[in-house]
């Protein structure tokens, strides 16, 4: 199997923020990730290793962008998806100041 055009990466989950993931090249690991970012992530939990391939899409990110950022910056940070607006607007949701139950 050839890895030409592909990238072997490791994926880590942030212990501080739900659904935040850090993708790094498997060969270099977390060495290229800025210290301040590592501190903001809290304890990183290794989730998986995978081969990124431009022909195989990722669920929440453009695989080509992920690969480019890992090659250029040494990492790709996948932020949590935006909150569900309907859930946020629901009466009683703690983050909605106007969502007081009637």
N, C-alpha and C. Protein backbone atom coordinates (compact mmCIF):
# COMPACT_ATOMS: atom_id res chain seq x y z
N UNK A 1 0.84 -1.18 0.00
CA UNK A 1 0.00 0.00 0.00
C UNK A 1 0.89 1.24 0.00
N UNK A 2 0.58 2.18 -0.87
CA UNK A 2 1.33 3.42 -0.93
C UNK A 2 0.60 4.53 -0.19
N UNK A 3 1.35 5.41 0.45
CA UNK A 3 0.75 6.52 1.17
C UNK A 3 0.87 7.83 0.39
N UNK A 4 1.27 7.74 -0.87
CA UNK A 4 1.44 8.95 -1.68
C UNK A 4 0.12 9.72 -1.75
N UNK A 5 0.15 11.01 -1.40
CA UNK A 5 -1.04 11.83 -1.41
C UNK A 5 -1.93 11.65 -0.19
N UNK A 6 -1.51 10.78 0.73
CA UNK A 6 -2.28 10.50 1.94
C UNK A 6 -1.48 10.95 3.15
N UNK A 7 -2.10 10.95 4.31
CA UNK A 7 -1.42 11.41 5.52
C UNK A 7 -1.84 10.54 6.69
N UNK A 8 -0.86 9.97 7.37
CA UNK A 8 -1.11 9.15 8.55
C UNK A 8 -1.19 10.10 9.74
N UNK A 9 -2.33 10.13 10.41
CA UNK A 9 -2.50 11.09 11.50
C UNK A 9 -3.00 10.42 12.77
N UNK A 10 -2.84 11.16 13.87
CA UNK A 10 -3.38 10.77 15.17
C UNK A 10 -4.43 11.80 15.55
N UNK A 11 -5.47 11.34 16.23
CA UNK A 11 -6.56 12.22 16.62
C UNK A 11 -6.68 12.16 18.15
N UNK A 12 -6.77 13.36 18.75
CA UNK A 12 -6.89 13.49 20.20
C UNK A 12 -8.16 14.26 20.53
N UNK A 13 -8.78 13.90 21.63
CA UNK A 13 -9.99 14.57 22.13
C UNK A 13 -9.60 15.44 23.31
N UNK A 14 -10.17 16.64 23.36
CA UNK A 14 -9.94 17.55 24.47
C UNK A 14 -10.74 17.10 25.69
N UNK A 15 -10.11 17.16 26.86
CA UNK A 15 -10.83 16.82 28.09
C UNK A 15 -11.64 18.02 28.61
N UNK A 16 -11.35 19.20 28.09
CA UNK A 16 -12.02 20.41 28.57
C UNK A 16 -13.24 20.82 27.76
N UNK A 17 -13.26 20.46 26.50
CA UNK A 17 -14.34 20.92 25.64
C UNK A 17 -14.91 19.74 24.85
N UNK A 18 -16.18 19.51 25.05
CA UNK A 18 -16.84 18.40 24.38
C UNK A 18 -16.78 18.57 22.86
N UNK A 19 -16.50 17.52 22.18
CA UNK A 19 -16.47 17.45 20.71
C UNK A 19 -15.39 18.32 20.07
N UNK A 20 -14.33 18.64 20.80
CA UNK A 20 -13.18 19.34 20.21
C UNK A 20 -12.08 18.31 20.01
N UNK A 21 -11.55 18.23 18.78
CA UNK A 21 -10.54 17.24 18.44
C UNK A 21 -9.33 17.90 17.80
N UNK A 22 -8.16 17.33 18.06
CA UNK A 22 -6.91 17.81 17.51
C UNK A 22 -6.33 16.71 16.63
N UNK A 23 -6.09 17.04 15.37
CA UNK A 23 -5.49 16.12 14.41
C UNK A 23 -4.03 16.52 14.24
N UNK A 24 -3.12 15.55 14.30
CA UNK A 24 -1.70 15.81 14.10
C UNK A 24 -1.10 14.70 13.24
N UNK A 25 0.03 14.99 12.60
CA UNK A 25 0.73 13.95 11.86
C UNK A 25 1.22 12.89 12.84
N UNK A 26 1.02 11.66 12.52
CA UNK A 26 1.41 10.55 13.42
C UNK A 26 2.91 10.58 13.69
N UNK A 27 3.69 10.92 12.68
CA UNK A 27 5.15 10.89 12.81
C UNK A 27 5.67 11.93 13.79
N UNK A 28 5.04 13.11 13.85
CA UNK A 28 5.53 14.18 14.72
C UNK A 28 4.75 14.31 16.02
N UNK A 29 3.56 13.75 16.06
CA UNK A 29 2.76 13.82 17.28
C UNK A 29 2.40 15.25 17.64
N UNK A 30 2.45 15.55 18.92
CA UNK A 30 2.02 16.85 19.43
C UNK A 30 3.15 17.89 19.44
N UNK A 31 4.32 17.54 18.91
CA UNK A 31 5.48 18.44 18.94
C UNK A 31 5.23 19.79 18.29
N UNK A 32 4.44 19.86 17.23
CA UNK A 32 4.23 21.11 16.49
C UNK A 32 3.07 21.94 17.03
N UNK A 33 2.34 21.41 17.99
CA UNK A 33 1.17 22.12 18.53
C UNK A 33 1.65 23.19 19.52
N UNK A 34 1.20 24.45 19.34
CA UNK A 34 1.62 25.50 20.28
C UNK A 34 1.23 25.18 21.72
N UNK A 35 2.11 25.55 22.64
CA UNK A 35 1.89 25.26 24.06
C UNK A 35 0.58 25.85 24.57
N UNK A 36 0.26 27.06 24.13
CA UNK A 36 -0.96 27.72 24.59
C UNK A 36 -2.20 26.93 24.17
N UNK A 37 -2.18 26.35 22.99
CA UNK A 37 -3.30 25.53 22.52
C UNK A 37 -3.39 24.25 23.35
N UNK A 38 -2.26 23.63 23.62
CA UNK A 38 -2.26 22.42 24.44
C UNK A 38 -2.84 22.70 25.82
N UNK A 39 -2.51 23.86 26.38
CA UNK A 39 -3.03 24.23 27.70
C UNK A 39 -4.54 24.43 27.66
N UNK A 40 -5.03 25.04 26.57
CA UNK A 40 -6.47 25.28 26.44
C UNK A 40 -7.25 23.98 26.25
N UNK A 41 -6.62 23.00 25.66
CA UNK A 41 -7.29 21.72 25.42
C UNK A 41 -7.41 20.88 26.69
N UNK A 42 -6.57 21.16 27.67
CA UNK A 42 -6.56 20.31 28.85
C UNK A 42 -5.85 19.01 28.53
N UNK A 43 -6.21 17.97 29.24
CA UNK A 43 -5.61 16.66 28.98
C UNK A 43 -6.14 16.15 27.64
N UNK A 44 -5.24 15.79 26.76
CA UNK A 44 -5.63 15.24 25.47
C UNK A 44 -5.70 13.72 25.57
N UNK A 45 -6.77 13.16 25.09
CA UNK A 45 -6.99 11.73 25.12
C UNK A 45 -6.88 11.20 23.70
N UNK A 46 -5.95 10.26 23.47
CA UNK A 46 -5.78 9.68 22.14
C UNK A 46 -7.03 8.89 21.77
N UNK A 47 -7.62 9.24 20.64
CA UNK A 47 -8.86 8.60 20.20
C UNK A 47 -8.58 7.55 19.13
N UNK A 48 -7.74 7.92 18.15
CA UNK A 48 -7.56 7.03 17.01
C UNK A 48 -6.39 7.46 16.16
N UNK A 49 -5.92 6.55 15.34
CA UNK A 49 -4.97 6.84 14.26
C UNK A 49 -5.68 6.48 12.97
N UNK A 50 -5.47 7.29 11.95
CA UNK A 50 -6.10 6.97 10.66
C UNK A 50 -5.29 7.54 9.51
N UNK A 51 -5.53 7.01 8.34
CA UNK A 51 -4.90 7.52 7.13
C UNK A 51 -5.89 8.45 6.47
N UNK A 52 -5.51 9.73 6.35
CA UNK A 52 -6.35 10.70 5.66
C UNK A 52 -6.08 10.59 4.17
N UNK A 53 -7.14 10.56 3.41
CA UNK A 53 -7.07 10.42 1.96
C UNK A 53 -8.04 11.42 1.35
N UNK A 54 -7.59 12.26 0.41
CA UNK A 54 -8.48 13.24 -0.20
C UNK A 54 -9.74 12.62 -0.82
N UNK A 55 -9.69 11.35 -1.13
CA UNK A 55 -10.84 10.68 -1.75
C UNK A 55 -11.85 10.15 -0.73
N UNK A 56 -11.47 10.20 0.57
CA UNK A 56 -12.37 9.70 1.62
C UNK A 56 -12.77 10.84 2.53
N UNK A 57 -14.01 11.29 2.46
CA UNK A 57 -14.44 12.44 3.25
C UNK A 57 -14.49 12.15 4.75
N UNK A 58 -14.36 13.21 5.52
CA UNK A 58 -14.54 13.15 6.97
C UNK A 58 -15.96 13.63 7.29
N UNK A 59 -16.45 13.28 8.44
CA UNK A 59 -17.83 13.62 8.81
C UNK A 59 -18.04 15.11 9.02
N UNK A 60 -17.10 15.79 9.68
CA UNK A 60 -17.34 17.19 10.04
C UNK A 60 -16.34 18.19 9.46
N UNK A 61 -15.42 17.75 8.65
CA UNK A 61 -14.42 18.66 8.11
C UNK A 61 -14.05 18.26 6.70
N UNK A 62 -13.57 19.23 5.95
CA UNK A 62 -13.07 18.98 4.59
C UNK A 62 -11.71 18.30 4.73
N UNK A 63 -11.61 17.09 4.27
CA UNK A 63 -10.39 16.30 4.46
C UNK A 63 -9.18 16.98 3.84
N UNK A 64 -9.34 17.65 2.72
CA UNK A 64 -8.20 18.35 2.09
C UNK A 64 -7.72 19.49 2.97
N UNK A 65 -8.65 20.22 3.58
CA UNK A 65 -8.27 21.31 4.49
C UNK A 65 -7.54 20.76 5.71
N UNK A 66 -8.02 19.66 6.25
CA UNK A 66 -7.38 19.04 7.41
C UNK A 66 -5.95 18.65 7.05
N UNK A 67 -5.78 18.02 5.92
CA UNK A 67 -4.45 17.58 5.49
C UNK A 67 -3.53 18.78 5.26
N UNK A 68 -4.04 19.83 4.60
CA UNK A 68 -3.24 21.02 4.33
C UNK A 68 -2.78 21.68 5.63
N UNK A 69 -3.70 21.82 6.59
CA UNK A 69 -3.33 22.46 7.85
C UNK A 69 -2.33 21.64 8.65
N UNK A 70 -2.47 20.32 8.62
CA UNK A 70 -1.49 19.48 9.32
C UNK A 70 -0.12 19.65 8.67
N UNK A 71 -0.08 19.67 7.35
CA UNK A 71 1.20 19.83 6.65
C UNK A 71 1.79 21.23 6.85
N UNK A 72 0.93 22.27 6.87
CA UNK A 72 1.42 23.65 6.99
C UNK A 72 1.71 24.06 8.43
N UNK A 73 0.80 23.76 9.35
CA UNK A 73 0.91 24.21 10.73
C UNK A 73 1.35 23.12 11.70
N UNK A 74 1.17 21.87 11.30
CA UNK A 74 1.52 20.76 12.18
C UNK A 74 0.33 20.19 12.92
N UNK A 75 -0.85 20.83 12.75
CA UNK A 75 -2.05 20.34 13.44
C UNK A 75 -3.30 20.90 12.77
N UNK A 76 -4.43 20.29 13.07
CA UNK A 76 -5.74 20.81 12.68
C UNK A 76 -6.64 20.69 13.91
N UNK A 77 -7.28 21.79 14.27
CA UNK A 77 -8.17 21.81 15.42
C UNK A 77 -9.61 21.79 14.92
N UNK A 78 -10.33 20.74 15.28
CA UNK A 78 -11.75 20.62 14.92
C UNK A 78 -12.57 21.08 16.12
N UNK A 79 -13.27 22.19 15.92
CA UNK A 79 -14.08 22.76 16.98
C UNK A 79 -15.43 22.05 17.05
N UNK A 80 -16.11 22.14 18.20
CA UNK A 80 -17.43 21.53 18.31
C UNK A 80 -18.41 22.18 17.33
N UNK A 81 -19.41 21.45 16.91
CA UNK A 81 -20.40 22.05 16.01
C UNK A 81 -21.18 23.13 16.76
N UNK A 82 -21.76 24.09 16.03
CA UNK A 82 -22.56 25.11 16.71
C UNK A 82 -23.76 24.47 17.40
N UNK A 83 -24.24 25.09 18.45
CA UNK A 83 -25.39 24.50 19.16
C UNK A 83 -26.63 24.49 18.27
N UNK A 84 -27.49 23.55 18.53
CA UNK A 84 -28.75 23.44 17.81
C UNK A 84 -29.62 24.63 18.21
N UNK A 85 -29.95 25.49 17.25
CA UNK A 85 -30.69 26.71 17.55
C UNK A 85 -32.05 26.41 18.18
N UNK A 86 -32.72 25.37 17.71
CA UNK A 86 -34.02 25.04 18.28
C UNK A 86 -33.90 24.65 19.74
N UNK A 87 -32.86 23.89 20.06
CA UNK A 87 -32.63 23.49 21.45
C UNK A 87 -32.31 24.72 22.30
N UNK A 88 -31.47 25.61 21.77
CA UNK A 88 -31.07 26.81 22.50
C UNK A 88 -32.28 27.71 22.77
N UNK A 89 -33.18 27.80 21.82
CA UNK A 89 -34.33 28.67 21.96
C UNK A 89 -35.45 28.06 22.79
N UNK A 90 -35.33 26.81 23.13
CA UNK A 90 -36.39 26.13 23.89
C UNK A 90 -36.54 26.74 25.28
N UNK A 91 -37.77 26.85 25.71
CA UNK A 91 -38.05 27.36 27.05
C UNK A 91 -37.36 26.48 28.08
N UNK A 92 -36.69 27.11 29.02
CA UNK A 92 -36.04 26.36 30.08
C UNK A 92 -34.58 26.05 29.82
N UNK A 93 -34.07 26.31 28.61
CA UNK A 93 -32.65 26.05 28.34
C UNK A 93 -31.83 27.04 29.17
N UNK A 94 -30.85 26.58 29.93
CA UNK A 94 -30.12 27.45 30.85
C UNK A 94 -29.32 28.56 30.16
N UNK A 95 -28.97 28.41 28.90
CA UNK A 95 -28.18 29.43 28.21
C UNK A 95 -29.04 30.45 27.47
N UNK A 96 -30.34 30.29 27.50
CA UNK A 96 -31.25 31.21 26.82
C UNK A 96 -31.92 32.10 27.85
N UNK A 97 -31.51 33.38 27.90
CA UNK A 97 -32.07 34.27 28.92
C UNK A 97 -33.56 34.50 28.74
N UNK A 98 -34.06 34.35 27.53
CA UNK A 98 -35.50 34.53 27.30
C UNK A 98 -36.26 33.21 27.35
N UNK A 99 -35.56 32.13 27.62
CA UNK A 99 -36.18 30.82 27.60
C UNK A 99 -36.74 30.37 28.93
N UNK A 100 -37.25 31.30 29.70
CA UNK A 100 -37.84 30.93 31.00
C UNK A 100 -39.12 30.13 30.77
N UNK A 101 -39.27 29.04 31.48
CA UNK A 101 -40.50 28.27 31.32
C UNK A 101 -41.70 29.09 31.77
N UNK A 102 -42.82 28.90 31.08
CA UNK A 102 -44.03 29.67 31.44
C UNK A 102 -44.76 29.04 32.60
